[in-house]
Amino acid sequence: MQRFARSQIYLHWLTLLLIAIAYAAIELRDAFSEDGPVHDFSKTLHFNAGILVWILMAVRLYLKHRYADPAIVPPPPPWQMALAKLMHMALYATFIALPVLGVLTQLYGGKNWVFMGIDVSGFTPADRGLARTIKSVHETWANVGYFLIAGHASAAIWHHYVQRDNTLKRMMPGD
């Protein structure tokens, strides 16, 4: 059976893990006191995971253009292929744009922040109004991301158990 390239498979699942960490960290942040260390750690974890997602998505885009997608057997109808392409475009756009919006929120928010131990604050003058607007777009789009992830996972499960094709198997690690 044909699969995606091993690098594509592992980066897919690593991206999922980092997205889950980013979402969980920001959701858990609100459960703790705003001036406490757990709140700050959760926020930092969210930022770092988000930037790593952005980096991985760039690498994944490169690999997507380098390798042909393995065939789905049996082949789905054209409307399903078109819908899958649209879903993948939405996922890529979302998880490239969200980290960019997050970084812009921080830069224009005038806050000090660190990525992987490097201070990356102060590159732009603070504009808190713009930062609030960007943050609002970031948060709204992140909520849409939940539905995209659920739709993507549901489609993979549906293909595996109902269609009984190799859609999911192509992205699973293994021999």
C-alpha atoms as a PDB file:
ATOM      1  CA  MET A   1       0.000   0.000   0.000  1.00  0.00           C
ATOM      2  CA  GLN A   2       1.240   3.475  -0.834  1.00  0.00           C
ATOM      3  CA  ARG A   3       1.634   5.952   2.012  1.00  0.00           C
ATOM      4  CA  PHE A   4       2.676   9.523   2.325  1.00  0.00           C
ATOM      5  CA  ALA A   5       6.425  10.067   2.721  1.00  0.00           C
ATOM      6  CA  ARG A   6       7.609   9.184   6.197  1.00  0.00           C
ATOM      7  CA  SER A   7       8.597  12.809   6.828  1.00  0.00           C
ATOM      8  CA  GLN A   8       5.057  13.933   5.915  1.00  0.00           C
ATOM      9  CA  ILE A   9       3.508  11.356   8.225  1.00  0.00           C
ATOM     10  CA  TYR A  10       5.617  12.251  11.242  1.00  0.00           C
ATOM     11  CA  LEU A  11       5.259  15.986  10.696  1.00  0.00           C
ATOM     12  CA  HIS A  12       1.474  15.567  10.377  1.00  0.00           C
ATOM     13  CA  TRP A  13       1.221  13.875  13.774  1.00  0.00           C
ATOM     14  CA  LEU A  14       3.769  16.210  15.397  1.00  0.00           C
ATOM     15  CA  THR A  15       1.756  19.166  14.098  1.00  0.00           C
ATOM     16  CA  LEU A  16      -1.390  17.671  15.617  1.00  0.00           C
ATOM     17  CA  LEU A  17       0.385  17.266  18.964  1.00  0.00           C
ATOM     18  CA  LEU A  18       1.617  20.871  18.931  1.00  0.00           C
ATOM     19  CA  ILE A  19      -1.812  22.180  17.917  1.00  0.00           C
ATOM     20  CA  ALA A  20      -3.354  20.225  20.802  1.00  0.00           C
ATOM     21  CA  ILE A  21      -0.752  21.690  23.174  1.00  0.00           C
ATOM     22  CA  ALA A  22      -1.403  25.235  21.904  1.00  0.00           C
ATOM     23  CA  TYR A  23      -5.174  24.889  22.298  1.00  0.00           C
ATOM     24  CA  ALA A  24      -4.950  23.151  25.694  1.00  0.00           C
ATOM     25  CA  ALA A  25      -2.446  25.670  27.057  1.00  0.00           C
ATOM     26  CA  ILE A  26      -4.581  28.677  26.189  1.00  0.00           C
ATOM     27  CA  GLU A  27      -7.765  27.048  27.502  1.00  0.00           C
ATOM     28  CA  LEU A  28      -6.070  26.031  30.772  1.00  0.00           C
ATOM     29  CA  ARG A  29      -4.497  29.470  31.197  1.00  0.00           C
ATOM     30  CA  ASP A  30      -7.850  30.964  32.113  1.00  0.00           C
ATOM     31  CA  ALA A  31      -8.299  28.459  34.941  1.00  0.00           C
ATOM     32  CA  PHE A  32      -5.431  30.039  36.882  1.00  0.00           C
ATOM     33  CA  SER A  33      -4.804  33.412  38.501  1.00  0.00           C
ATOM     34  CA  GLU A  34      -3.601  35.956  35.941  1.00  0.00           C
ATOM     35  CA  ASP A  35      -0.590  36.907  38.040  1.00  0.00           C
ATOM     36  CA  GLY A  36       0.437  33.330  38.822  1.00  0.00           C
ATOM     37  CA  PRO A  37       3.238  31.201  37.382  1.00  0.00           C
ATOM     38  CA  VAL A  38       0.904  28.565  35.872  1.00  0.00           C
ATOM     39  CA  HIS A  39      -0.958  31.264  33.936  1.00  0.00           C
ATOM     40  CA  ASP A  40       2.331  32.653  32.600  1.00  0.00           C
ATOM     41  CA  PHE A  41       3.670  29.180  31.782  1.00  0.00           C
ATOM     42  CA  SER A  42       0.475  28.270  29.904  1.00  0.00           C
ATOM     43  CA  LYS A  43       0.676  31.467  27.882  1.00  0.00           C
ATOM     44  CA  THR A  44       4.348  30.905  27.038  1.00  0.00           C
ATOM     45  CA  LEU A  45       3.632  27.290  26.114  1.00  0.00           C
ATOM     46  CA  HIS A  46       0.806  28.468  23.831  1.00  0.00           C
ATOM     47  CA  PHE A  47       3.098  30.968  22.060  1.00  0.00           C
ATOM     48  CA  ASN A  48       5.966  28.519  21.619  1.00  0.00           C
ATOM     49  CA  ALA A  49       3.717  25.705  20.380  1.00  0.00           C
ATOM     50  CA  GLY A  50       2.037  28.112  17.968  1.00  0.00           C
ATOM     51  CA  ILE A  51       5.304  29.302  16.463  1.00  0.00           C
ATOM     52  CA  LEU A  52       6.494  25.712  16.136  1.00  0.00           C
ATOM     53  CA  VAL A  53       3.214  24.882  14.344  1.00  0.00           C
ATOM     54  CA  TRP A  54       3.914  27.733  11.928  1.00  0.00           C
ATOM     55  CA  ILE A  55       7.425  26.411  11.230  1.00  0.00           C
ATOM     56  CA  LEU A  56       6.144  22.859  10.734  1.00  0.00           C
ATOM     57  CA  MET A  57       3.380  24.046   8.417  1.00  0.00           C
ATOM     58  CA  ALA A  58       5.975  25.776   6.230  1.00  0.00           C
ATOM     59  CA  VAL A  59       7.996  22.548   6.056  1.00  0.00           C
ATOM     60  CA  ARG A  60       4.829  20.556   5.369  1.00  0.00           C
ATOM     61  CA  LEU A  61       3.901  22.880   2.499  1.00  0.00           C
ATOM     62  CA  TYR A  62       7.331  22.295   0.986  1.00  0.00           C
ATOM     63  CA  LEU A  63       6.952  18.515   1.348  1.00  0.00           C
ATOM     64  CA  LYS A  64       3.422  18.624  -0.081  1.00  0.00           C
ATOM     65  CA  HIS A  65       4.836  20.154  -3.257  1.00  0.00           C
ATOM     66  CA  ARG A  66       7.825  17.812  -3.317  1.00  0.00           C
ATOM     67  CA  TYR A  67       5.922  14.517  -3.043  1.00  0.00           C
ATOM     68  CA  ALA A  68       2.821  13.377  -4.893  1.00  0.00           C
ATOM     69  CA  ASP A  69      -0.100  12.281  -2.731  1.00  0.00           C
ATOM     70  CA  PRO A  70      -0.548   8.503  -2.754  1.00  0.00           C
ATOM     71  CA  ALA A  71      -3.714   7.302  -4.456  1.00  0.00           C
ATOM     72  CA  ILE A  72      -6.846   6.639  -2.441  1.00  0.00           C
ATOM     73  CA  VAL A  73      -8.058   3.081  -3.065  1.00  0.00           C
ATOM     74  CA  PRO A  74     -10.824   2.705  -4.027  1.00  0.00           C
ATOM     75  CA  PRO A  75     -10.947   6.201  -5.514  1.00  0.00           C
ATOM     76  CA  PRO A  76     -13.607   8.502  -4.044  1.00  0.00           C
ATOM     77  CA  PRO A  77     -15.959  10.477  -6.287  1.00  0.00           C
ATOM     78  CA  PRO A  78     -14.716  13.836  -7.631  1.00  0.00           C
ATOM     79  CA  TRP A  79     -16.895  15.863  -5.236  1.00  0.00           C
ATOM     80  CA  GLN A  80     -15.188  14.195  -2.256  1.00  0.00           C
ATOM     81  CA  MET A  81     -11.759  14.920  -3.708  1.00  0.00           C
ATOM     82  CA  ALA A  82     -12.746  18.572  -4.214  1.00  0.00           C
ATOM     83  CA  LEU A  83     -14.093  18.807  -0.665  1.00  0.00           C
ATOM     84  CA  ALA A  84     -10.910  17.205   0.721  1.00  0.00           C
ATOM     85  CA  LYS A  85      -8.777  19.705  -1.191  1.00  0.00           C
ATOM     86  CA  LEU A  86     -10.852  22.577   0.170  1.00  0.00           C
ATOM     87  CA  MET A  87     -10.557  21.196   3.726  1.00  0.00           C
ATOM     88  CA  HIS A  88      -6.786  20.846   3.434  1.00  0.00           C
ATOM     89  CA  MET A  89      -6.478  24.389   2.083  1.00  0.00           C
ATOM     90  CA  ALA A  90      -8.544  25.663   5.025  1.00  0.00           C
ATOM     91  CA  LEU A  91      -6.403  23.736   7.526  1.00  0.00           C
ATOM     92  CA  TYR A  92      -3.135  24.980   6.040  1.00  0.00           C
ATOM     93  CA  ALA A  93      -4.417  28.569   5.885  1.00  0.00           C
ATOM     94  CA  THR A  94      -5.640  28.359   9.479  1.00  0.00           C
ATOM     95  CA  PHE A  95      -2.495  26.937  11.024  1.00  0.00           C
ATOM     96  CA  ILE A  96      -0.227  29.270   9.085  1.00  0.00           C
ATOM     97  CA  ALA A  97      -2.326  32.377   9.789  1.00  0.00           C
ATOM     98  CA  LEU A  98      -3.036  31.742  13.490  1.00  0.00           C
ATOM     99  CA  PRO A  99       0.617  31.861  14.589  1.00  0.00           C
ATOM    100  CA  VAL A 100       1.209  34.956  12.447  1.00  0.00           C
ATOM    101  CA  LEU A 101      -1.805  36.668  14.031  1.00  0.00           C
ATOM    102  CA  GLY A 102      -0.591  35.609  17.480  1.00  0.00           C
ATOM    103  CA  VAL A 103       2.862  37.060  16.857  1.00  0.00           C
ATOM    104  CA  LEU A 104       1.367  40.305  15.523  1.00  0.00           C
ATOM    105  CA  THR A 105      -0.868  40.538  18.600  1.00  0.00           C
ATOM    106  CA  GLN A 106       2.192  40.302  20.830  1.00  0.00           C
ATOM    107  CA  LEU A 107       4.308  42.679  18.777  1.00  0.00           C
ATOM    108  CA  TYR A 108       1.651  45.393  18.624  1.00  0.00           C
ATOM    109  CA  GLY A 109       0.535  44.735  22.199  1.00  0.00           C
ATOM    110  CA  GLY A 110       3.776  46.193  23.510  1.00  0.00           C
ATOM    111  CA  LYS A 111       4.340  43.225  25.819  1.00  0.00           C
ATOM    112  CA  ASN A 112       7.628  41.535  26.525  1.00  0.00           C
ATOM    113  CA  TRP A 113       7.675  37.968  25.326  1.00  0.00           C
ATOM    114  CA  VAL A 114      10.202  35.251  24.745  1.00  0.00           C
ATOM    115  CA  PHE A 115      10.362  32.478  22.132  1.00  0.00           C
ATOM    116  CA  MET A 116      12.511  29.506  23.068  1.00  0.00           C
ATOM    117  CA  GLY A 117      14.510  31.656  25.469  1.00  0.00           C
ATOM    118  CA  ILE A 118      15.035  34.540  23.015  1.00  0.00           C
ATOM    119  CA  ASP A 119      13.488  37.946  23.732  1.00  0.00           C
ATOM    120  CA  VAL A 120      11.545  38.846  20.575  1.00  0.00           C
ATOM    121  CA  SER A 121       9.620  41.837  21.882  1.00  0.00           C
ATOM    122  CA  GLY A 122      10.043  45.419  20.781  1.00  0.00           C
ATOM    123  CA  PHE A 123      10.253  44.979  16.996  1.00  0.00           C
ATOM    124  CA  THR A 124       7.312  47.310  16.393  1.00  0.00           C
ATOM    125  CA  PRO A 125       5.840  50.300  18.202  1.00  0.00           C
ATOM    126  CA  ALA A 126       2.928  49.394  20.443  1.00  0.00           C
ATOM    127  CA  ASP A 127      -0.561  49.907  19.026  1.00  0.00           C
ATOM    128  CA  ARG A 128      -2.945  48.412  21.560  1.00  0.00           C
ATOM    129  CA  GLY A 129      -6.050  49.080  19.440  1.00  0.00           C
ATOM    130  CA  LEU A 130      -4.552  47.188  16.513  1.00  0.00           C
ATOM    131  CA  ALA A 131      -3.384  44.449  18.884  1.00  0.00           C
ATOM    132  CA  ARG A 132      -6.948  44.020  20.224  1.00  0.00           C
ATOM    133  CA  THR A 133      -8.346  43.780  16.690  1.00  0.00           C
ATOM    134  CA  ILE A 134      -5.747  41.218  15.624  1.00  0.00           C
ATOM    135  CA  LYS A 135      -6.310  39.249  18.832  1.00  0.00           C
ATOM    136  CA  SER A 136     -10.051  39.161  18.149  1.00  0.00           C
ATOM    137  CA  VAL A 137      -9.458  37.808  14.638  1.00  0.00           C
ATOM    138  CA  HIS A 138      -6.948  35.291  16.062  1.00  0.00           C
ATOM    139  CA  GLU A 139      -9.403  34.029  18.691  1.00  0.00           C
ATOM    140  CA  THR A 140     -12.346  33.816  16.281  1.00  0.00           C
ATOM    141  CA  TRP A 141     -10.296  31.990  13.669  1.00  0.00           C
ATOM    142  CA  ALA A 142      -8.928  29.659  16.373  1.00  0.00           C
ATOM    143  CA  ASN A 143     -12.521  28.740  17.260  1.00  0.00           C
ATOM    144  CA  VAL A 144     -13.157  27.941  13.588  1.00  0.00           C
ATOM    145  CA  GLY A 145     -10.041  25.749  13.828  1.00  0.00           C
ATOM    146  CA  TYR A 146     -11.820  23.450  16.287  1.00  0.00           C
ATOM    147  CA  PHE A 147     -14.473  22.738  13.652  1.00  0.00           C
ATOM    148  CA  LEU A 148     -11.911  22.232  10.892  1.00  0.00           C
ATOM    149  CA  ILE A 149     -10.000  19.740  13.027  1.00  0.00           C
ATOM    150  CA  ALA A 150     -13.215  17.913  13.942  1.00  0.00           C
ATOM    151  CA  GLY A 151     -14.295  17.814  10.291  1.00  0.00           C
ATOM    152  CA  HIS A 152     -10.897  16.563   9.148  1.00  0.00           C
ATOM    153  CA  ALA A 153     -10.739  13.831  11.791  1.00  0.00           C
ATOM    154  CA  SER A 154     -14.369  12.833  11.212  1.00  0.00           C
ATOM    155  CA  ALA A 155     -13.771  12.528   7.475  1.00  0.00           C
ATOM    156  CA  ALA A 156     -10.710  10.330   8.062  1.00  0.00           C
ATOM    157  CA  ILE A 157     -12.681   8.055  10.399  1.00  0.00           C
ATOM    158  CA  TRP A 158     -15.630   7.968   7.979  1.00  0.00           C
ATOM    159  CA  HIS A 159     -13.314   6.971   5.121  1.00  0.00           C
ATOM    160  CA  HIS A 160     -11.739   4.254   7.250  1.00  0.00           C
ATOM    161  CA  TYR A 161     -14.857   2.664   8.743  1.00  0.00           C
ATOM    162  CA  VAL A 162     -17.648   3.507   6.261  1.00  0.00           C
ATOM    163  CA  GLN A 163     -15.928   3.908   2.893  1.00  0.00           C
ATOM    164  CA  ARG A 164     -13.330   1.297   3.850  1.00  0.00           C
ATOM    165  CA  ASP A 165     -10.674   2.960   1.737  1.00  0.00           C
ATOM    166  CA  ASN A 166      -7.031   3.669   2.530  1.00  0.00           C
ATOM    167  CA  THR A 167      -7.375   7.412   3.236  1.00  0.00           C
ATOM    168  CA  LEU A 168      -6.430   7.121   6.918  1.00  0.00           C
ATOM    169  CA  LYS A 169      -3.912   4.314   6.409  1.00  0.00           C
ATOM    170  CA  ARG A 170      -1.908   6.497   4.015  1.00  0.00           C
ATOM    171  CA  MET A 171      -1.125   8.867   6.911  1.00  0.00           C
ATOM    172  CA  MET A 172      -0.458   6.264   9.613  1.00  0.00           C
ATOM    173  CA  PRO A 173       3.107   5.511  10.707  1.00  0.00           C
ATOM    174  CA  GLY A 174       4.337   2.026   9.985  1.00  0.00           C
ATOM    175  CA  ASP A 175       6.280  -0.077   7.540  1.00  0.00           C
END
